[in-house]
Amino acid sequence: MFEAVLAGVWFPPARPGRLATRPARLIADKGYSSRAIRGYLRRRGIRATIPERRDQRDGRVRRGRAGGRPPLFDPVIYKRRNVVERCFNRLKQFRAIATRYDKTALSYQAMIDLATLTFWL
């Protein structure tokens, strides 16, 4: 599902023109640390800041030279992920969003829009 979600994301362009569909960098948690995801990001030219899971690190060390290099990880950039986590925390304070009372995706999206509007007011 990672590829489908990333394909649906668009960004405002840095300069006038069509919308950008490829982010410059992706910051994710350890749950997204897999060969498939890292390979997909590499093929698309997206730099990834994803910490390596302990079992992956141990397996790479156990294989020795055949295990390859560790993936690049910048802890300073990873700290920016805190902004997104705080946003999710504030959204989940709305009970209807946390428990997903809405039956349709459209009404659930409307509730998220309503919650984000209250943040800005």
C-alpha atoms as a PDB file:
ATOM      1  CA  MET A   1       0.000   0.000   0.000  1.00  0.00           C
ATOM      2  CA  PHE A   2       2.991   2.310   0.418  1.00  0.00           C
ATOM      3  CA  GLU A   3       3.354   2.871  -3.317  1.00  0.00           C
ATOM      4  CA  ALA A   4      -0.368   3.574  -3.747  1.00  0.00           C
ATOM      5  CA  VAL A   5      -0.369   6.136  -0.928  1.00  0.00           C
ATOM      6  CA  LEU A   6       2.761   7.864  -2.200  1.00  0.00           C
ATOM      7  CA  ALA A   7       1.287   7.985  -5.716  1.00  0.00           C
ATOM      8  CA  GLY A   8      -1.744   9.875  -4.381  1.00  0.00           C
ATOM      9  CA  VAL A   9       0.324  12.586  -2.708  1.00  0.00           C
ATOM     10  CA  TRP A  10       0.999  15.884  -4.469  1.00  0.00           C
ATOM     11  CA  PHE A  11       2.837  18.978  -3.361  1.00  0.00           C
ATOM     12  CA  PRO A  12       2.542  22.653  -4.218  1.00  0.00           C
ATOM     13  CA  PRO A  13       5.231  23.480  -6.758  1.00  0.00           C
ATOM     14  CA  ALA A  14       8.266  25.535  -5.782  1.00  0.00           C
ATOM     15  CA  ARG A  15       7.742  27.612  -8.924  1.00  0.00           C
ATOM     16  CA  PRO A  16       4.690  28.120 -11.142  1.00  0.00           C
ATOM     17  CA  GLY A  17       3.714  25.055 -13.101  1.00  0.00           C
ATOM     18  CA  ARG A  18       2.127  21.700 -12.511  1.00  0.00           C
ATOM     19  CA  LEU A  19       2.009  20.058  -9.121  1.00  0.00           C
ATOM     20  CA  ALA A  20       4.979  17.971  -7.997  1.00  0.00           C
ATOM     21  CA  THR A  21       4.373  14.273  -7.307  1.00  0.00           C
ATOM     22  CA  ARG A  22       7.856  13.370  -6.101  1.00  0.00           C
ATOM     23  CA  PRO A  23       9.005  14.666  -2.718  1.00  0.00           C
ATOM     24  CA  ALA A  24      12.660  15.498  -2.230  1.00  0.00           C
ATOM     25  CA  ARG A  25      12.857  13.501   1.011  1.00  0.00           C
ATOM     26  CA  LEU A  26      10.697  11.039   2.918  1.00  0.00           C
ATOM     27  CA  ILE A  27      10.905  10.801   6.712  1.00  0.00           C
ATOM     28  CA  ALA A  28       9.329   7.656   8.171  1.00  0.00           C
ATOM     29  CA  ASP A  29       9.532   5.451  11.257  1.00  0.00           C
ATOM     30  CA  LYS A  30      11.003   1.947  11.576  1.00  0.00           C
ATOM     31  CA  GLY A  31       7.801   0.350  10.323  1.00  0.00           C
ATOM     32  CA  TYR A  32       8.696   1.503   6.809  1.00  0.00           C
ATOM     33  CA  SER A  33      12.211   0.077   6.899  1.00  0.00           C
ATOM     34  CA  SER A  34      12.101  -2.683   4.298  1.00  0.00           C
ATOM     35  CA  ARG A  35      14.075  -3.533   1.187  1.00  0.00           C
ATOM     36  CA  ALA A  36      11.031  -3.113  -1.023  1.00  0.00           C
ATOM     37  CA  ILE A  37      10.240   0.396   0.220  1.00  0.00           C
ATOM     38  CA  ARG A  38      13.864   1.541   0.184  1.00  0.00           C
ATOM     39  CA  GLY A  39      14.293   0.155  -3.351  1.00  0.00           C
ATOM     40  CA  TYR A  40      11.138   1.904  -4.559  1.00  0.00           C
ATOM     41  CA  LEU A  41      12.323   5.213  -3.123  1.00  0.00           C
ATOM     42  CA  ARG A  42      15.774   4.757  -4.651  1.00  0.00           C
ATOM     43  CA  ARG A  43      14.279   4.059  -8.103  1.00  0.00           C
ATOM     44  CA  ARG A  44      12.158   7.217  -7.886  1.00  0.00           C
ATOM     45  CA  GLY A  45      15.090   9.350  -6.695  1.00  0.00           C
ATOM     46  CA  ILE A  46      13.587  10.128  -3.297  1.00  0.00           C
ATOM     47  CA  ARG A  47      16.018  10.390  -0.398  1.00  0.00           C
ATOM     48  CA  ALA A  48      14.832   8.434   2.639  1.00  0.00           C
ATOM     49  CA  THR A  49      15.379   9.104   6.318  1.00  0.00           C
ATOM     50  CA  ILE A  50      14.189   5.859   7.896  1.00  0.00           C
ATOM     51  CA  PRO A  51      15.876   4.282  10.933  1.00  0.00           C
ATOM     52  CA  GLU A  52      16.958   0.683  10.459  1.00  0.00           C
ATOM     53  CA  ARG A  53      15.213  -1.981  12.526  1.00  0.00           C
ATOM     54  CA  ARG A  54      17.390  -3.945  14.930  1.00  0.00           C
ATOM     55  CA  ASP A  55      16.720  -7.303  13.256  1.00  0.00           C
ATOM     56  CA  GLN A  56      17.750  -5.870   9.883  1.00  0.00           C
ATOM     57  CA  ARG A  57      20.920  -4.423  11.359  1.00  0.00           C
ATOM     58  CA  ASP A  58      21.791  -7.693  13.117  1.00  0.00           C
ATOM     59  CA  GLY A  59      21.170  -9.687   9.925  1.00  0.00           C
ATOM     60  CA  ARG A  60      23.375  -7.362   7.906  1.00  0.00           C
ATOM     61  CA  VAL A  61      26.173  -7.631  10.476  1.00  0.00           C
ATOM     62  CA  ARG A  62      25.800 -11.421  10.617  1.00  0.00           C
ATOM     63  CA  ARG A  63      26.221 -11.697   6.831  1.00  0.00           C
ATOM     64  CA  GLY A  64      29.431  -9.673   7.017  1.00  0.00           C
ATOM     65  CA  ARG A  65      30.617  -8.173   3.733  1.00  0.00           C
ATOM     66  CA  ALA A  66      27.717  -9.811   1.884  1.00  0.00           C
ATOM     67  CA  GLY A  67      25.298  -7.826   4.077  1.00  0.00           C
ATOM     68  CA  GLY A  68      26.188  -4.558   2.372  1.00  0.00           C
ATOM     69  CA  ARG A  69      26.405  -1.062   3.784  1.00  0.00           C
ATOM     70  CA  PRO A  70      23.946   0.317   6.292  1.00  0.00           C
ATOM     71  CA  PRO A  71      21.364   2.710   4.827  1.00  0.00           C
ATOM     72  CA  LEU A  72      22.039   6.405   5.346  1.00  0.00           C
ATOM     73  CA  PHE A  73      20.268   7.910   8.328  1.00  0.00           C
ATOM     74  CA  ASP A  74      20.406  11.523   9.500  1.00  0.00           C
ATOM     75  CA  PRO A  75      19.153  11.913  13.104  1.00  0.00           C
ATOM     76  CA  VAL A  76      18.922  15.708  12.779  1.00  0.00           C
ATOM     77  CA  ILE A  77      16.478  15.447   9.858  1.00  0.00           C
ATOM     78  CA  TYR A  78      14.591  12.621  11.606  1.00  0.00           C
ATOM     79  CA  LYS A  79      13.761  14.963  14.503  1.00  0.00           C
ATOM     80  CA  ARG A  80      11.514  16.956  12.141  1.00  0.00           C
ATOM     81  CA  ARG A  81       9.137  13.981  12.128  1.00  0.00           C
ATOM     82  CA  ASN A  82       7.990  15.167  15.544  1.00  0.00           C
ATOM     83  CA  VAL A  83       5.826  17.843  13.881  1.00  0.00           C
ATOM     84  CA  VAL A  84       3.796  15.191  12.058  1.00  0.00           C
ATOM     85  CA  GLU A  85       3.413  13.045  15.181  1.00  0.00           C
ATOM     86  CA  ARG A  86       2.127  16.030  17.163  1.00  0.00           C
ATOM     87  CA  CYS A  87      -0.397  16.768  14.404  1.00  0.00           C
ATOM     88  CA  PHE A  88      -1.693  13.181  14.532  1.00  0.00           C
ATOM     89  CA  ASN A  89      -1.924  13.449  18.313  1.00  0.00           C
ATOM     90  CA  ARG A  90      -4.058  16.590  18.059  1.00  0.00           C
ATOM     91  CA  LEU A  91      -6.291  15.009  15.411  1.00  0.00           C
ATOM     92  CA  LYS A  92      -6.886  11.967  17.598  1.00  0.00           C
ATOM     93  CA  GLN A  93      -8.190  14.189  20.370  1.00  0.00           C
ATOM     94  CA  PHE A  94     -11.353  14.374  18.266  1.00  0.00           C
ATOM     95  CA  ARG A  95     -13.235  11.244  19.257  1.00  0.00           C
ATOM     96  CA  ALA A  96     -14.948  10.850  15.894  1.00  0.00           C
ATOM     97  CA  ILE A  97     -11.565  10.704  14.158  1.00  0.00           C
ATOM     98  CA  ALA A  98      -9.876   8.416  16.684  1.00  0.00           C
ATOM     99  CA  THR A  99     -12.666   5.819  16.588  1.00  0.00           C
ATOM    100  CA  ARG A 100     -13.786   6.485  12.999  1.00  0.00           C
ATOM    101  CA  TYR A 101     -17.516   6.668  13.522  1.00  0.00           C
ATOM    102  CA  ASP A 102     -18.114   7.745   9.929  1.00  0.00           C
ATOM    103  CA  LYS A 103     -19.072   5.007   7.485  1.00  0.00           C
ATOM    104  CA  THR A 104     -17.920   6.586   4.232  1.00  0.00           C
ATOM    105  CA  ALA A 105     -14.488   7.885   3.320  1.00  0.00           C
ATOM    106  CA  LEU A 106     -16.000  11.195   2.218  1.00  0.00           C
ATOM    107  CA  SER A 107     -17.623  11.919   5.589  1.00  0.00           C
ATOM    108  CA  TYR A 108     -14.437  10.835   7.413  1.00  0.00           C
ATOM    109  CA  GLN A 109     -12.415  13.247   5.253  1.00  0.00           C
ATOM    110  CA  ALA A 110     -14.947  15.977   6.037  1.00  0.00           C
ATOM    111  CA  MET A 111     -14.443  15.360   9.758  1.00  0.00           C
ATOM    112  CA  ILE A 112     -10.664  15.615   9.350  1.00  0.00           C
ATOM    113  CA  ASP A 113     -11.137  18.865   7.409  1.00  0.00           C
ATOM    114  CA  LEU A 114     -13.377  20.209  10.166  1.00  0.00           C
ATOM    115  CA  ALA A 115     -10.836  19.275  12.849  1.00  0.00           C
ATOM    116  CA  THR A 116      -7.963  20.914  10.980  1.00  0.00           C
ATOM    117  CA  LEU A 117     -10.029  24.059  10.492  1.00  0.00           C
ATOM    118  CA  THR A 118     -10.547  24.310  14.248  1.00  0.00           C
ATOM    119  CA  PHE A 119      -6.762  24.164  14.705  1.00  0.00           C
ATOM    120  CA  TRP A 120      -6.336  27.202  12.488  1.00  0.00           C
ATOM    121  CA  LEU A 121      -9.085  29.215  14.208  1.00  0.00           C
END
